[in-house]
């Protein structure tokens, strides 16, 4: 991710200390009989869930751009890692029904973020969990975050560290990666872009369903879809399929500049392979949105970008380097994110020095000199 503003380290330390001191909420259920409401991340205690390991997501969503209405169902294939009376998923939209192995089960919402499912599972067993839901995606929020990015012409589900819970129920933490199929239904005239490779597009009346598949496991926050009018280019480079897209809502000639920048993706990936080893996924690409997220994000196989100037090739290098650092190798806890960002930022400097734009050593010394002892950084 190319961040908007850094969070002061002292604020993070204070937040973690305060969270550690807060008492755990009491529930009517025996805490030992349910998977924990969090995977154990010290920065975000409710991210992820204990006792389960998701193997695959099969998402079937429909989305209406004008009113941001999202409805659908997701089937999760998950393995119980503990013997439980029930388990939790992270999800923000209103739920209509939950089935486990084909049978309807009881469920509850301890808070806006948690979907608690009452279904006994034994350690080592695998289960199919189907959740049906519908609601205004832009109305959903949690802990001060309202992350839906869309207008009446376009939508892109990009954010970090939280985005999945706005459009599919998940075990929402990088510790639990899973493979993924996304079937997104939208108005027929719209293009739908996602992670991985496009499997099919089926037209039915005024609607069309586009199926994208990720065969390599991904962390839930790295999953995305975009729907709108896009200029799309595709091809293959050194045997690696690529697809790039640029929003048609971006005025020309800015749109042409954005497309030229996106078309540099295959060559940058090829260069990164020479520096870092084999590219870890089976496709690559990028997408530029007309919306204003304020950041770029390393959505797996196909990073998402705001409008960038032609000189911002280093941002593309940064997000593509994240395919190795952050996507293929994920953080264990969110406090480890400096490893992701440090490696991707170094690759910007490495690219610059190998393309005639100054040495990485000079860049590092300049950065060091700009942040003397006592600086807020």
Protein backbone atom coordinates (compact mmCIF):
# COMPACT_ATOMS: atom_id res chain seq x y z
CA UNK A 1 0.00 0.00 0.00
CA UNK A 2 1.09 3.53 -0.69
CA UNK A 3 -0.29 5.12 2.51
CA UNK A 4 -2.10 8.40 2.99
CA UNK A 5 -0.63 9.50 6.31
CA UNK A 6 1.51 7.57 8.81
CA UNK A 7 0.03 6.83 12.21
CA UNK A 8 2.31 8.16 14.98
CA UNK A 9 4.07 5.24 16.65
CA UNK A 10 3.28 6.60 20.10
CA UNK A 11 -0.44 6.57 19.31
CA UNK A 12 -0.24 2.91 18.28
CA UNK A 13 1.62 1.96 21.46
CA UNK A 14 -0.91 3.79 23.64
CA UNK A 15 -3.79 2.14 21.76
CA UNK A 16 -2.33 -1.33 22.19
CA UNK A 17 -1.70 -0.78 25.92
CA UNK A 18 -5.23 0.52 26.47
CA UNK A 19 -6.75 -2.41 24.59
CA UNK A 20 -4.74 -4.83 26.69
CA UNK A 21 -6.11 -3.25 29.88
CA UNK A 22 -9.77 -3.37 28.80
CA UNK A 23 -11.80 -6.24 30.28
CA UNK A 24 -13.12 -8.84 27.85
CA UNK A 25 -16.88 -8.57 27.24
CA UNK A 26 -18.96 -11.19 28.95
CA UNK A 27 -21.36 -13.28 26.86
CA UNK A 28 -24.15 -15.69 27.58
CA UNK A 29 -22.16 -18.47 25.93
CA UNK A 30 -19.25 -20.25 27.49
CA UNK A 31 -16.26 -18.60 25.83
CA UNK A 32 -14.41 -21.91 25.68
CA UNK A 33 -17.18 -23.51 23.60
CA UNK A 34 -16.99 -20.93 20.81
CA UNK A 35 -14.06 -19.88 18.69
CA UNK A 36 -12.63 -16.61 19.92
CA UNK A 37 -13.94 -13.36 18.43
CA UNK A 38 -10.43 -12.46 17.27
CA UNK A 39 -7.44 -14.27 15.85
CA UNK A 40 -5.12 -12.58 18.35
CA UNK A 41 -3.89 -9.48 16.54
CA UNK A 42 -2.73 -6.90 19.13
CA UNK A 43 -3.65 -3.89 16.95
CA UNK A 44 -7.10 -5.16 15.91
CA UNK A 45 -8.37 -7.64 18.52
CA UNK A 46 -11.60 -8.50 16.66
CA UNK A 47 -9.98 -9.18 13.29
CA UNK A 48 -10.19 -12.82 12.29
CA UNK A 49 -11.63 -15.55 14.47
CA UNK A 50 -10.31 -18.47 16.49
CA UNK A 51 -10.98 -22.16 15.90
CA UNK A 52 -11.46 -22.10 12.12
CA UNK A 53 -9.32 -22.07 8.98
CA UNK A 54 -11.07 -21.01 5.75
CA UNK A 55 -9.96 -23.00 2.72
CA UNK A 56 -12.04 -21.35 -0.03
CA UNK A 57 -14.53 -18.52 -0.62
CA UNK A 58 -17.20 -18.79 -3.31
CA UNK A 59 -18.77 -15.33 -3.48
CA UNK A 60 -21.98 -14.63 -5.44
CA UNK A 61 -22.81 -10.92 -5.17
CA UNK A 62 -24.98 -8.56 -7.16
CA UNK A 63 -24.39 -4.83 -7.01
CA UNK A 64 -26.47 -1.81 -8.04
CA UNK A 65 -24.33 1.26 -8.63
CA UNK A 66 -26.99 3.97 -8.22
CA UNK A 67 -28.05 3.06 -4.67
CA UNK A 68 -24.99 0.98 -3.57
CA UNK A 69 -27.23 -2.03 -2.89
CA UNK A 70 -25.31 -5.28 -2.50
CA UNK A 71 -27.04 -8.64 -2.15
CA UNK A 72 -25.94 -12.22 -2.50
CA UNK A 73 -24.49 -15.22 -0.79
CA UNK A 74 -21.08 -16.65 0.01
CA UNK A 75 -20.18 -20.28 0.54
CA UNK A 76 -17.11 -20.78 2.73
CA UNK A 77 -15.29 -24.08 2.91
CA UNK A 78 -13.68 -24.12 6.33
CA UNK A 79 -11.81 -26.53 8.54
CA UNK A 80 -12.37 -26.57 12.28
CA UNK A 81 -9.07 -26.34 14.13
CA UNK A 82 -10.79 -26.79 17.52
CA UNK A 83 -13.86 -28.64 18.73
CA UNK A 84 -16.50 -25.93 19.08
CA UNK A 85 -20.18 -25.34 19.78
CA UNK A 86 -20.03 -22.50 17.24
CA UNK A 87 -17.75 -20.00 15.55
CA UNK A 88 -17.61 -16.41 14.31
CA UNK A 89 -17.11 -14.67 10.96
CA UNK A 90 -16.34 -11.01 10.31
CA UNK A 91 -19.16 -9.31 8.37
CA UNK A 92 -20.99 -5.98 8.36
CA UNK A 93 -24.03 -6.36 6.06
CA UNK A 94 -27.47 -7.51 7.30
CA UNK A 95 -27.69 -11.31 7.26
CA UNK A 96 -30.78 -13.19 6.07
CA UNK A 97 -29.87 -16.85 6.52
CA UNK A 98 -27.01 -19.15 7.50
CA UNK A 99 -26.65 -22.80 6.49
CA UNK A 100 -23.97 -25.23 7.64
CA UNK A 101 -23.57 -28.36 5.53
CA UNK A 102 -26.94 -27.62 3.92
CA UNK A 103 -28.95 -27.21 7.14
CA UNK A 104 -30.24 -23.90 8.49
CA UNK A 105 -28.65 -22.97 11.82
CA UNK A 106 -29.10 -20.28 14.45
CA UNK A 107 -26.97 -17.19 14.28
CA UNK A 108 -26.64 -13.92 16.16
CA UNK A 109 -24.84 -10.56 15.97
CA UNK A 110 -22.92 -9.83 19.22
CA UNK A 111 -21.98 -6.54 17.56
CA UNK A 112 -21.96 -5.00 14.08
CA UNK A 113 -18.70 -6.73 13.16
CA UNK A 114 -19.28 -10.30 14.34
CA UNK A 115 -21.55 -12.97 12.89
CA UNK A 116 -21.83 -15.76 15.48
CA UNK A 117 -22.94 -19.11 14.06
CA UNK A 118 -24.31 -21.82 16.34
CA UNK A 119 -23.13 -25.08 14.79
CA UNK A 120 -21.10 -27.75 16.55
CA UNK A 121 -17.89 -28.73 14.76
CA UNK A 122 -15.14 -31.16 15.68
CA UNK A 123 -11.46 -30.41 15.33
CA UNK A 124 -10.13 -31.60 11.97
CA UNK A 125 -13.51 -31.68 10.20
CA UNK A 126 -14.36 -29.65 7.10
CA UNK A 127 -17.68 -27.86 6.60
CA UNK A 128 -19.57 -25.80 4.03
CA UNK A 129 -21.01 -22.57 5.46
CA UNK A 130 -23.43 -20.53 3.34
CA UNK A 131 -24.41 -16.98 4.35
CA UNK A 132 -27.13 -14.96 2.56
CA UNK A 133 -27.19 -11.17 2.96
CA UNK A 134 -28.37 -7.86 1.51
CA UNK A 135 -27.92 -4.20 2.36
CA UNK A 136 -26.52 -0.78 1.52
CA UNK A 137 -22.78 -1.32 1.32
CA UNK A 138 -21.97 2.35 1.82
CA UNK A 139 -24.07 2.45 5.00
CA UNK A 140 -21.98 -0.22 6.72
CA UNK A 141 -19.31 0.88 9.15
CA UNK A 142 -17.23 -0.34 12.06
CA UNK A 143 -15.01 1.33 14.64
CA UNK A 144 -15.09 4.65 12.80
CA UNK A 145 -14.35 3.12 9.39
CA UNK A 146 -16.66 3.60 6.40
CA UNK A 147 -14.55 2.10 3.67
CA UNK A 148 -16.95 1.70 0.75
CA UNK A 149 -15.54 3.46 -2.32
CA UNK A 150 -18.15 4.06 -4.99
CA UNK A 151 -20.40 6.54 -6.76
CA UNK A 152 -23.22 6.17 -9.29
CA UNK A 153 -20.74 5.31 -12.07
CA UNK A 154 -18.07 3.12 -10.47
CA UNK A 155 -17.11 1.04 -7.45
CA UNK A 156 -13.78 -0.43 -6.27
CA UNK A 157 -13.49 -2.48 -3.08
CA UNK A 158 -10.01 -1.38 -2.01
CA UNK A 159 -8.81 -0.61 1.49
CA UNK A 160 -6.35 -1.77 4.15
CA UNK A 161 -6.48 -3.39 6.64
CA UNK A 162 -10.28 -3.77 6.39
CA UNK A 163 -12.43 -4.21 3.27
CA UNK A 164 -13.68 -7.80 3.01
CA UNK A 165 -16.40 -7.45 5.65
CA UNK A 166 -18.21 -4.89 3.48
CA UNK A 167 -18.95 -7.43 0.73
CA UNK A 168 -18.44 -11.01 1.90
CA UNK A 169 -18.27 -12.83 5.28
CA UNK A 170 -14.67 -13.72 6.07
CA UNK A 171 -12.10 -14.82 8.57
CA UNK A 172 -10.65 -11.38 8.06
CA UNK A 173 -6.96 -11.53 8.90
CA UNK A 174 -3.80 -12.18 6.82
CA UNK A 175 -3.04 -15.26 8.93
CA UNK A 176 -5.90 -17.06 7.17
CA UNK A 177 -5.45 -17.06 3.40
CA UNK A 178 -7.82 -18.93 1.08
CA UNK A 179 -8.47 -19.45 -2.61
CA UNK A 180 -11.41 -17.56 -4.05
CA UNK A 181 -14.09 -17.47 -6.74
CA UNK A 182 -16.03 -14.22 -7.19
CA UNK A 183 -19.23 -14.09 -9.26
CA UNK A 184 -20.31 -10.46 -9.54
CA UNK A 185 -23.60 -9.51 -11.18
CA UNK A 186 -24.07 -5.94 -12.39
CA UNK A 187 -25.74 -4.03 -15.20
CA UNK A 188 -24.91 -5.58 -18.58
CA UNK A 189 -23.07 -2.56 -19.97
CA UNK A 190 -20.53 -2.45 -17.14
CA UNK A 191 -17.11 -4.05 -16.99
CA UNK A 192 -16.27 -6.07 -13.87
CA UNK A 193 -12.61 -6.57 -12.90
CA UNK A 194 -11.26 -8.76 -10.11
CA UNK A 195 -8.29 -10.75 -8.83
CA UNK A 196 -6.70 -13.57 -10.75
CA UNK A 197 -8.09 -14.65 -14.11
CA UNK A 198 -11.51 -14.12 -15.62
CA UNK A 199 -13.31 -17.44 -16.06
CA UNK A 200 -16.51 -16.33 -17.77
CA UNK A 201 -19.06 -13.58 -18.40
CA UNK A 202 -22.71 -14.57 -18.76
CA UNK A 203 -25.38 -12.14 -19.96
CA UNK A 204 -28.95 -12.61 -18.71
CA UNK A 205 -31.35 -9.87 -19.74
CA UNK A 206 -30.21 -6.46 -18.56
CA UNK A 207 -27.63 -8.00 -16.22
CA UNK A 208 -24.34 -9.84 -16.63
CA UNK A 209 -22.42 -12.06 -14.22
CA UNK A 210 -18.62 -12.05 -14.37
CA UNK A 211 -16.65 -14.85 -12.73
CA UNK A 212 -13.08 -14.23 -11.50
CA UNK A 213 -10.93 -16.94 -9.93
CA UNK A 214 -7.88 -16.73 -7.64
CA UNK A 215 -6.11 -20.07 -7.63
CA UNK A 216 -3.40 -18.90 -5.22
CA UNK A 217 -4.55 -18.26 -1.63
CA UNK A 218 -4.99 -14.62 -0.66
CA UNK A 219 -5.65 -12.64 2.51
CA UNK A 220 -9.25 -11.35 2.59
CA UNK A 221 -8.29 -7.65 2.48
CA UNK A 222 -6.45 -8.26 -0.81
CA UNK A 223 -9.60 -9.47 -2.58
CA UNK A 224 -11.37 -6.87 -4.72
CA UNK A 225 -13.85 -6.22 -7.47
CA UNK A 226 -14.36 -3.11 -9.58
CA UNK A 227 -17.46 -2.38 -11.64
CA UNK A 228 -17.90 0.49 -14.07
CA UNK A 229 -16.83 1.61 -17.53
CA UNK A 230 -13.16 0.75 -18.09
CA UNK A 231 -10.70 0.68 -20.94
CA UNK A 232 -9.21 -2.80 -20.76
CA UNK A 233 -6.03 -4.16 -22.31
CA UNK A 234 -4.75 -7.72 -21.98
CA UNK A 235 -1.89 -9.84 -23.20
CA UNK A 236 0.99 -12.03 -22.06
CA UNK A 237 4.62 -11.21 -21.32
CA UNK A 238 7.24 -13.95 -21.03
CA UNK A 239 4.35 -16.39 -20.66
CA UNK A 240 2.65 -14.45 -17.84
CA UNK A 241 -0.93 -13.30 -18.61
CA UNK A 242 -1.68 -9.67 -17.76
CA UNK A 243 -4.73 -7.43 -17.74
CA UNK A 244 -4.86 -3.70 -17.04
CA UNK A 245 -7.87 -1.40 -16.86
CA UNK A 246 -8.37 2.36 -16.63
CA UNK A 247 -11.66 4.04 -15.78
CA UNK A 248 -13.43 5.64 -18.73
CA UNK A 249 -14.64 8.30 -16.27
CA UNK A 250 -11.13 9.79 -16.21
CA UNK A 251 -11.03 12.68 -18.68
CA UNK A 252 -8.77 12.48 -21.70
CA UNK A 253 -5.75 13.02 -22.04
CA UNK A 254 -5.24 12.01 -18.37
CA UNK A 255 -6.86 8.68 -19.18
CA UNK A 256 -4.35 8.01 -21.98
CA UNK A 257 -1.45 8.81 -19.64
CA UNK A 258 -2.91 6.48 -17.01
CA UNK A 259 -3.27 3.70 -19.55
CA UNK A 260 0.34 4.11 -20.69
CA UNK A 261 1.44 3.86 -17.07
CA UNK A 262 -0.62 0.70 -16.48
CA UNK A 263 0.83 -0.82 -19.67
CA UNK A 264 4.28 -0.63 -18.08
CA UNK A 265 3.16 -3.29 -15.57
CA UNK A 266 4.41 -6.40 -17.46
CA UNK A 267 7.91 -4.93 -17.97
CA UNK A 268 8.13 -3.89 -14.29
CA UNK A 269 7.07 -7.37 -13.16
CA UNK A 270 9.73 -8.86 -15.42
CA UNK A 271 12.35 -6.53 -13.90
CA UNK A 272 11.22 -7.43 -10.37
CA UNK A 273 11.62 -11.12 -11.18
CA UNK A 274 15.25 -10.43 -11.97
CA UNK A 275 15.64 -8.83 -8.53
CA UNK A 276 13.39 -11.00 -6.36
CA UNK A 277 12.91 -14.33 -8.12
CA UNK A 278 9.93 -15.92 -9.81
CA UNK A 279 6.68 -13.92 -9.74
CA UNK A 280 4.50 -15.70 -7.16
CA UNK A 281 1.16 -15.69 -9.02
CA UNK A 282 -0.32 -16.88 -12.31
CA UNK A 283 -1.44 -13.48 -13.63
CA UNK A 284 -0.70 -9.79 -13.15
CA UNK A 285 -2.01 -6.36 -14.04
CA UNK A 286 -3.40 -3.18 -12.52
CA UNK A 287 -6.47 -0.95 -12.37
CA UNK A 288 -6.75 2.85 -12.22
CA UNK A 289 -10.01 4.19 -10.78
CA UNK A 290 -11.63 7.57 -11.32
CA UNK A 291 -12.57 7.61 -7.65
CA UNK A 292 -10.30 9.27 -5.09
CA UNK A 293 -9.15 6.71 -2.52
CA UNK A 294 -6.04 8.75 -1.65
CA UNK A 295 -3.77 5.69 -1.89
CA UNK A 296 -2.78 2.75 -4.06
CA UNK A 297 -3.17 -0.82 -2.81
CA UNK A 298 -1.50 -4.14 -3.56
CA UNK A 299 -4.74 -6.05 -4.28
CA UNK A 300 -3.44 -9.49 -5.23
CA UNK A 301 -2.36 -9.97 -8.87
CA UNK A 302 -3.92 -6.63 -9.88
CA UNK A 303 -3.01 -3.57 -7.77
CA UNK A 304 -5.52 -0.71 -7.68
CA UNK A 305 -4.45 2.91 -8.13
CA UNK A 306 -5.83 6.43 -8.02
CA UNK A 307 -5.02 8.66 -10.99
CA UNK A 308 -1.22 8.98 -11.07
CA UNK A 309 1.02 11.29 -13.05
CA UNK A 310 3.24 9.66 -15.65
CA UNK A 311 6.23 10.24 -13.35
CA UNK A 312 4.71 8.03 -10.65
CA UNK A 313 6.12 4.81 -12.08
CA UNK A 314 7.71 4.22 -8.66
CA UNK A 315 4.21 3.79 -7.19
CA UNK A 316 3.59 0.99 -9.67
CA UNK A 317 6.94 -0.56 -8.73
CA UNK A 318 5.96 -0.30 -5.06
CA UNK A 319 2.59 -2.05 -5.43
CA UNK A 320 3.99 -4.75 -7.71
CA UNK A 321 6.84 -5.40 -5.26
CA UNK A 322 4.13 -6.03 -2.67
CA UNK A 323 3.09 -9.08 -4.68
CA UNK A 324 6.20 -10.69 -3.17
CA UNK A 325 6.24 -8.77 0.14
CA UNK A 326 2.74 -8.49 1.61
CA UNK A 327 0.77 -10.75 -0.72
CA UNK A 328 2.81 -13.92 -1.28
CA UNK A 329 4.49 -13.44 2.12
CA UNK A 330 1.85 -11.95 4.42
CA UNK A 331 2.17 -10.34 7.83
CA UNK A 332 1.60 -12.48 10.90
CA UNK A 333 0.20 -9.48 12.81
CA UNK A 334 -0.54 -5.98 11.56
CA UNK A 335 2.31 -4.60 13.67
CA UNK A 336 4.62 -6.39 11.20
CA UNK A 337 3.46 -4.23 8.29
CA UNK A 338 6.72 -2.28 8.29
CA UNK A 339 8.27 -5.39 6.70
CA UNK A 340 5.82 -5.13 3.76
CA UNK A 341 6.25 -1.41 3.34
CA UNK A 342 9.99 -1.35 3.96
CA UNK A 343 10.67 -3.94 1.25
CA UNK A 344 8.34 -2.31 -1.29
CA UNK A 345 9.78 1.13 -0.62
CA UNK A 346 13.33 -0.17 -1.02
CA UNK A 347 12.37 -1.63 -4.42
CA UNK A 348 11.31 1.87 -5.50
CA UNK A 349 14.84 3.10 -4.71
CA UNK A 350 16.37 0.04 -6.37
CA UNK A 351 14.34 0.61 -9.54
CA UNK A 352 15.34 4.28 -9.63
CA UNK A 353 19.06 3.53 -9.31
CA UNK A 354 18.96 0.86 -12.02
CA UNK A 355 17.14 3.24 -14.37
CA UNK A 356 19.48 6.20 -14.10
CA UNK A 357 17.73 8.18 -11.34
CA UNK A 358 20.27 8.27 -8.50
CA UNK A 359 21.63 5.68 -6.12
CA UNK A 360 19.66 3.99 -3.37
CA UNK A 361 22.47 4.89 -0.98
CA UNK A 362 22.01 8.62 -1.72
CA UNK A 363 18.25 8.24 -1.27
CA UNK A 364 18.72 6.53 2.10
CA UNK A 365 21.21 9.11 3.35
CA UNK A 366 18.95 11.95 2.25
CA UNK A 367 15.97 10.41 4.04
CA UNK A 368 18.07 9.91 7.18
CA UNK A 369 19.29 13.52 7.12
CA UNK A 370 15.73 14.80 6.69
CA UNK A 371 14.69 13.09 9.94
CA UNK A 372 17.11 14.16 12.68
CA UNK A 373 16.99 13.02 16.30
CA UNK A 374 13.78 14.20 17.93
CA UNK A 375 11.71 14.31 14.73
CA UNK A 376 8.14 13.04 14.94
CA UNK A 377 8.98 10.37 12.36
